[in-house]
Amino acid sequence: MRRSFGGTLSASPLPCKNDPMTAGTHLSVPPDGQAVSAGKAGPTVVSLRDVSASYGETPAVEHVSLEVSAGSLVAVVGPNGAGKSTLLKLMAGLLKPWRGEVRVFGQPPGQVGRRIAYVPQAELVDWHFPVAVDQVVMMGRYPLLGPFRRPGRQDALAVREALAKVRMTDVADRQIGSLSGGQRRRVFLARALASDAELFLLDEPVTAIDATTQDEIMDLLRDEAGRGRTVIASTHDLACAAQCFQRVVAVNRTIVADGPASIALDTEVLARAYGGHLLMLEGGRVILDDAHHHDEPPAQERHFHEGERE
């Protein structure tokens, strides 16, 4: 995928209503083992200290130190294979580091799973399984129910509200496999919203959707951050990162820059993060050549875009 930015790297305006704190460009590059905290002041929700992780013998991230406070709206950007998805998996407790410490709400992620909503880039789901959209969203309520408890009126209301927020109420009774790829992503976002989590970890939530839906999703995420929830999302869309988030963390196996959203379109940051994927042209024009794929695709995983079906 080629993305082109010209001049001072100002991208075409998005329909995003957010006005992030983008005055000036401040770069923060953490030394090994020292966490950097930026964005809204508040209690620390996520803390990574000198974290390294791998898939088998292949390093995925190395010496990552980061702190994210409550109410933050953070975009994680970087080239393919840079470790964006890996960082989210570490925070969700789905991957254990071989070095360093990961803490969420002051605890190992596995001990606070009910407070975390993780939406991966592609779901390992049997799309032919006879489960309806509202039943998928109800799955987000299960951790709150406890053993042997059936969903009640409050749970059904939470599901309806979550579906309404992502504009999927009219397909609530449809089989999940009959939806397009973009619709499936909105359903799984609704599942996360229904869970009433305090930390949202979203892998490419605005990928392969139209501009209007992107704007609506970003409004939702900003509202959640305004309620004191913490949102950390990976994205390939640098314009969206710059205009719709409060803070950007640029990664390439480790954190290469951390600061206000404006750094997503800063030439120095792009050079650090994208390296050989970055082509500097005369007049300050920049082209990113960065094919879209996962850090480490699990076996049989398939990725669906807007308008695609199995």
Protein backbone atom coordinates (compact mmCIF):
# COMPACT_ATOMS: atom_id res chain seq x y z
CA MET A 1 0.00 0.00 0.00
CA ARG A 2 1.47 3.37 -1.02
CA ARG A 3 0.63 6.46 0.99
CA SER A 4 1.82 9.87 -0.16
CA PHE A 5 2.19 13.04 1.87
CA GLY A 6 3.44 16.33 0.53
CA GLY A 7 5.16 19.46 1.84
CA THR A 8 5.14 19.45 5.63
CA LEU A 9 3.34 16.12 5.59
CA SER A 10 -0.13 17.60 6.06
CA ALA A 11 -2.60 14.97 4.89
CA SER A 12 -6.02 15.45 3.35
CA PRO A 13 -8.51 16.37 6.09
CA LEU A 14 -10.47 13.51 7.57
CA PRO A 15 -14.09 13.83 8.67
CA CYS A 16 -12.85 13.45 12.23
CA LYS A 17 -14.23 16.02 14.65
CA ASN A 18 -11.43 15.57 17.15
CA ASP A 19 -9.03 18.43 17.77
CA PRO A 20 -6.03 16.77 19.41
CA MET A 21 -3.25 18.58 21.19
CA THR A 22 -1.04 19.02 18.15
CA ALA A 23 0.59 22.37 18.81
CA GLY A 24 4.29 21.86 18.25
CA THR A 25 6.18 18.62 17.94
CA HIS A 26 7.71 17.03 20.99
CA LEU A 27 9.62 13.80 20.60
CA SER A 28 10.26 11.53 23.53
CA VAL A 29 12.47 8.50 23.02
CA PRO A 30 12.72 6.32 26.16
CA PRO A 31 16.09 4.87 27.21
CA ASP A 32 16.07 1.12 27.77
CA GLY A 33 14.13 0.26 30.91
CA GLN A 34 12.68 3.74 31.47
CA ALA A 35 8.97 4.20 30.85
CA VAL A 36 7.64 7.35 29.23
CA SER A 37 4.26 8.73 30.20
CA ALA A 38 2.44 11.35 28.14
CA GLY A 39 -1.07 12.52 27.46
CA LYS A 40 -3.68 13.07 30.15
CA ALA A 41 -2.59 13.09 33.76
CA GLY A 42 -4.23 10.34 35.77
CA PRO A 43 -3.59 6.96 37.34
CA THR A 44 -1.40 4.66 35.30
CA VAL A 45 -3.43 1.97 33.54
CA VAL A 46 -0.77 0.29 31.41
CA SER A 47 2.90 -0.02 32.29
CA LEU A 48 5.57 -1.82 30.26
CA ARG A 49 9.13 -1.80 31.57
CA ASP A 50 12.00 -3.00 29.39
CA VAL A 51 9.72 -5.55 27.70
CA SER A 52 10.96 -7.91 25.00
CA ALA A 53 8.87 -10.63 23.36
CA SER A 54 9.11 -13.02 20.45
CA TYR A 55 7.24 -15.60 18.39
CA GLY A 56 9.41 -18.68 18.67
CA GLU A 57 12.93 -17.52 17.95
CA THR A 58 11.82 -14.45 16.01
CA PRO A 59 12.02 -11.23 18.07
CA ALA A 60 8.86 -9.13 17.85
CA VAL A 61 9.54 -6.24 20.22
CA GLU A 62 12.62 -5.38 22.26
CA HIS A 63 13.28 -3.09 25.24
CA VAL A 64 9.85 -1.46 25.19
CA SER A 65 9.05 0.87 28.08
CA LEU A 66 5.77 2.73 28.13
CA GLU A 67 3.14 4.12 30.48
CA VAL A 68 -0.43 5.04 29.55
CA SER A 69 -2.74 6.84 31.95
CA ALA A 70 -6.50 6.63 32.39
CA GLY A 71 -8.58 8.49 29.84
CA SER A 72 -5.88 8.38 27.17
CA LEU A 73 -6.61 7.97 23.46
CA VAL A 74 -3.39 6.55 22.01
CA ALA A 75 -2.51 5.51 18.46
CA VAL A 76 0.30 3.01 17.85
CA VAL A 77 1.85 3.45 14.41
CA GLY A 78 4.72 1.85 12.54
CA PRO A 79 5.56 -0.32 9.55
CA ASN A 80 4.38 -3.88 9.03
CA GLY A 81 6.04 -6.30 11.39
CA ALA A 82 7.06 -3.46 13.71
CA GLY A 83 5.32 -5.03 16.71
CA LYS A 84 2.08 -3.03 16.92
CA SER A 85 -0.15 -6.10 17.27
CA THR A 86 2.40 -7.71 19.57
CA LEU A 87 2.26 -4.78 21.99
CA LEU A 88 -1.52 -5.06 22.20
CA LYS A 89 -1.30 -8.81 22.83
CA LEU A 90 1.19 -8.20 25.63
CA MET A 91 -1.15 -5.68 27.25
CA ALA A 92 -4.08 -8.09 26.86
CA GLY A 93 -2.14 -10.91 28.49
CA LEU A 94 -2.29 -13.06 25.36
CA LEU A 95 1.48 -13.09 24.97
CA LYS A 96 4.03 -13.28 27.75
CA PRO A 97 7.30 -11.36 27.51
CA TRP A 98 10.57 -13.22 27.89
CA ARG A 99 12.04 -10.11 29.45
CA GLY A 100 10.64 -7.19 31.40
CA GLU A 101 7.36 -6.51 33.17
CA VAL A 102 3.83 -5.81 31.93
CA ARG A 103 1.29 -4.40 34.36
CA VAL A 104 -2.32 -3.40 33.73
CA PHE A 105 -4.13 -1.65 36.58
CA GLY A 106 -1.06 -2.53 38.63
CA GLN A 107 -1.47 -6.27 38.09
CA PRO A 108 -0.38 -8.88 35.53
CA PRO A 109 -2.87 -8.62 32.64
CA GLY A 110 -4.24 -12.12 33.23
CA GLN A 111 -5.47 -11.11 36.67
CA VAL A 112 -7.58 -8.19 35.39
CA GLY A 113 -9.01 -9.71 32.22
CA ARG A 114 -12.56 -8.57 33.03
CA ARG A 115 -11.41 -4.96 32.84
CA ILE A 116 -9.85 -5.37 29.39
CA ALA A 117 -11.56 -5.49 25.98
CA TYR A 118 -9.31 -6.71 23.18
CA VAL A 119 -10.40 -6.56 19.54
CA PRO A 120 -7.87 -8.27 17.25
CA GLN A 121 -7.34 -7.41 13.62
CA ALA A 122 -8.95 -10.63 12.43
CA GLU A 123 -11.10 -13.04 14.41
CA LEU A 124 -10.49 -16.77 14.43
CA VAL A 125 -14.14 -17.57 14.00
CA ASP A 126 -16.08 -20.25 12.21
CA TRP A 127 -18.18 -17.84 10.15
CA HIS A 128 -20.57 -20.66 9.24
CA PHE A 129 -21.45 -21.30 12.88
CA PRO A 130 -25.15 -20.49 13.44
CA VAL A 131 -24.72 -17.57 15.82
CA ALA A 132 -26.52 -14.25 15.42
CA VAL A 133 -24.98 -10.81 15.68
CA ASP A 134 -26.65 -10.00 19.01
CA GLN A 135 -25.38 -13.29 20.43
CA VAL A 136 -21.83 -12.38 19.46
CA VAL A 137 -22.18 -9.03 21.21
CA MET A 138 -23.66 -10.77 24.27
CA MET A 139 -20.38 -12.69 24.57
CA GLY A 140 -18.89 -9.44 25.81
CA ARG A 141 -21.14 -9.67 28.86
CA TYR A 142 -20.16 -13.21 29.87
CA PRO A 143 -17.13 -12.23 32.00
CA LEU A 144 -19.44 -10.02 34.06
CA LEU A 145 -22.01 -12.76 34.68
CA GLY A 146 -19.95 -15.24 36.61
CA PRO A 147 -20.55 -18.99 36.60
CA PHE A 148 -24.05 -20.42 36.17
CA ARG A 149 -25.63 -16.99 35.63
CA ARG A 150 -27.73 -16.35 32.57
CA PRO A 151 -27.88 -12.95 30.84
CA GLY A 152 -30.65 -10.77 32.23
CA ARG A 153 -32.51 -7.62 31.28
CA GLN A 154 -29.53 -5.37 32.01
CA ASP A 155 -27.29 -7.49 29.78
CA ALA A 156 -29.81 -7.38 26.93
CA LEU A 157 -29.99 -3.60 27.27
CA ALA A 158 -26.18 -3.31 27.15
CA VAL A 159 -26.16 -5.35 23.93
CA ARG A 160 -28.84 -3.19 22.31
CA GLU A 161 -27.02 0.00 23.28
CA ALA A 162 -23.70 -1.30 21.95
CA LEU A 163 -25.25 -2.31 18.62
CA ALA A 164 -26.93 1.09 18.33
CA LYS A 165 -23.61 2.86 18.90
CA VAL A 166 -22.04 1.08 15.93
CA ARG A 167 -25.21 1.35 13.81
CA MET A 168 -25.77 -2.40 13.59
CA THR A 169 -29.16 -2.70 15.29
CA ASP A 170 -30.89 -3.60 12.03
CA VAL A 171 -28.75 -6.73 11.60
CA ALA A 172 -28.99 -7.95 15.20
CA ASP A 173 -30.72 -11.21 14.23
CA ARG A 174 -28.56 -11.98 11.20
CA GLN A 175 -25.97 -14.76 11.16
CA ILE A 176 -22.52 -13.25 11.71
CA GLY A 177 -21.05 -14.91 8.63
CA SER A 178 -23.54 -13.17 6.34
CA LEU A 179 -22.03 -9.74 7.08
CA SER A 180 -19.30 -7.95 5.18
CA GLY A 181 -15.82 -7.68 6.66
CA GLY A 182 -16.38 -4.10 7.77
CA GLN A 183 -19.70 -4.99 9.39
CA ARG A 184 -18.04 -7.84 11.28
CA ARG A 185 -15.47 -5.41 12.66
CA ARG A 186 -18.23 -3.15 13.93
CA VAL A 187 -19.95 -6.11 15.59
CA PHE A 188 -16.79 -7.06 17.46
CA LEU A 189 -16.33 -3.43 18.48
CA ALA A 190 -19.89 -3.58 19.83
CA ARG A 191 -18.92 -6.69 21.78
CA ALA A 192 -16.08 -4.71 23.36
CA LEU A 193 -18.41 -1.82 24.23
CA ALA A 194 -20.94 -4.20 25.79
CA SER A 195 -18.27 -5.59 28.09
CA ASP A 196 -18.09 -2.28 29.99
CA ALA A 197 -14.30 -2.60 30.02
CA GLU A 198 -11.99 0.09 31.33
CA LEU A 199 -9.20 -0.59 28.83
CA PHE A 200 -9.83 -1.01 25.10
CA LEU A 201 -7.06 -2.59 23.02
CA LEU A 202 -8.01 -2.32 19.36
CA ASP A 203 -5.95 -3.66 16.47
CA GLU A 204 -6.69 -1.60 13.35
CA PRO A 205 -10.23 -0.52 14.32
CA VAL A 206 -10.56 1.92 11.39
CA THR A 207 -9.01 -0.25 8.69
CA ALA A 208 -11.05 -1.06 5.56
CA ILE A 209 -14.07 1.04 6.46
CA ASP A 210 -15.55 4.09 4.76
CA ALA A 211 -14.80 7.62 5.95
CA THR A 212 -18.20 8.13 7.57
CA THR A 213 -17.92 4.93 9.60
CA GLN A 214 -14.35 5.84 10.54
CA ASP A 215 -15.57 9.17 11.88
CA GLU A 216 -18.34 7.48 13.87
CA ILE A 217 -15.97 4.92 15.37
CA MET A 218 -13.49 7.61 16.36
CA ASP A 219 -16.32 9.57 17.98
CA LEU A 220 -17.17 6.47 19.99
CA LEU A 221 -13.58 5.91 21.06
CA ARG A 222 -13.17 9.57 22.01
CA ASP A 223 -16.38 9.38 24.06
CA GLU A 224 -15.05 6.32 25.89
CA ALA A 225 -11.81 8.17 26.66
CA GLY A 226 -13.89 11.11 27.89
CA ARG A 227 -15.59 8.74 30.33
CA GLY A 228 -12.18 7.87 31.78
CA ARG A 229 -11.73 4.69 29.73
CA THR A 230 -8.34 4.10 28.17
CA VAL A 231 -8.13 3.43 24.43
CA ILE A 232 -5.00 2.12 22.71
CA ALA A 233 -5.37 1.39 19.01
CA SER A 234 -2.95 0.41 16.28
CA THR A 235 -3.41 2.00 12.88
CA HIS A 236 -1.78 2.27 9.48
CA ASP A 237 -3.66 5.52 8.82
CA LEU A 238 -1.21 8.27 9.73
CA ALA A 239 -3.68 11.05 8.93
CA CYS A 240 -6.20 9.51 11.30
CA ALA A 241 -3.51 9.10 13.97
CA ALA A 242 -2.56 12.76 13.66
CA GLN A 243 -6.06 14.19 13.61
CA CYS A 244 -8.17 11.85 15.73
CA PHE A 245 -5.93 10.78 18.63
CA GLN A 246 -4.37 12.60 21.57
CA ARG A 247 -1.06 10.78 21.57
CA VAL A 248 1.00 8.74 19.12
CA VAL A 249 3.52 6.03 19.90
CA ALA A 250 5.69 5.16 16.89
CA VAL A 251 7.27 1.72 16.97
CA ASN A 252 9.72 -0.32 14.97
CA ARG A 253 10.51 -3.31 17.21
CA THR A 254 10.94 -0.74 19.97
CA ILE A 255 9.52 2.71 20.67
CA VAL A 256 11.21 5.23 18.38
CA ALA A 257 9.05 8.24 19.31
CA ASP A 258 6.27 9.10 21.74
CA GLY A 259 4.42 12.39 21.90
CA PRO A 260 1.42 14.46 20.77
CA ALA A 261 -0.55 13.33 17.76
CA SER A 262 1.29 15.67 15.40
CA ILE A 263 4.37 13.46 15.42
CA ALA A 264 2.52 10.96 13.20
CA LEU A 265 3.21 13.29 10.25
CA ASP A 266 6.69 14.41 11.30
CA THR A 267 9.44 13.53 8.80
CA GLU A 268 11.96 12.67 11.52
CA VAL A 269 9.55 10.29 13.21
CA LEU A 270 8.57 8.68 9.90
CA ALA A 271 12.22 8.18 9.01
CA ARG A 272 12.89 6.51 12.36
CA ALA A 273 9.80 4.32 12.24
CA TYR A 274 9.55 3.34 8.59
CA GLY A 275 13.18 3.35 7.48
CA GLY A 276 13.44 1.61 4.12
CA HIS A 277 9.68 1.90 3.59
CA LEU A 278 10.04 5.69 3.41
CA LEU A 279 10.90 7.49 0.16
CA MET A 280 11.79 11.18 0.40
CA LEU A 281 11.10 13.11 -2.82
CA GLU A 282 12.05 16.60 -3.92
CA GLY A 283 10.00 19.32 -2.28
CA GLY A 284 9.55 17.37 0.95
CA ARG A 285 7.08 14.91 -0.52
CA VAL A 286 7.06 11.56 1.24
CA ILE A 287 5.80 8.17 0.04
CA LEU A 288 5.28 5.21 2.36
CA ASP A 289 5.38 1.81 0.69
CA ASP A 290 4.10 -0.50 3.40
CA ALA A 291 1.99 -3.53 2.46
CA HIS A 292 -0.74 -4.30 5.00
CA HIS A 293 -0.38 -7.51 7.00
CA HIS A 294 -0.25 -8.79 10.56
CA ASP A 295 2.84 -9.01 12.76
CA GLU A 296 2.55 -12.77 13.05
CA PRO A 297 -0.56 -14.22 11.38
CA PRO A 298 -1.91 -17.27 13.22
CA ALA A 299 -2.63 -20.35 11.18
CA GLN A 300 -5.91 -20.18 9.23
CA GLU A 301 -6.51 -16.53 10.13
CA ARG A 302 -8.34 -14.56 7.44
CA HIS A 303 -8.81 -10.82 7.20
CA PHE A 304 -12.01 -9.34 5.76
CA HIS A 305 -12.41 -5.78 4.50
CA GLU A 306 -15.49 -3.64 3.90
CA GLY A 307 -17.66 -5.27 1.26
CA GLU A 308 -15.85 -8.62 1.39
CA ARG A 309 -17.43 -11.87 2.47
CA GLU A 310 -16.06 -15.33 2.88
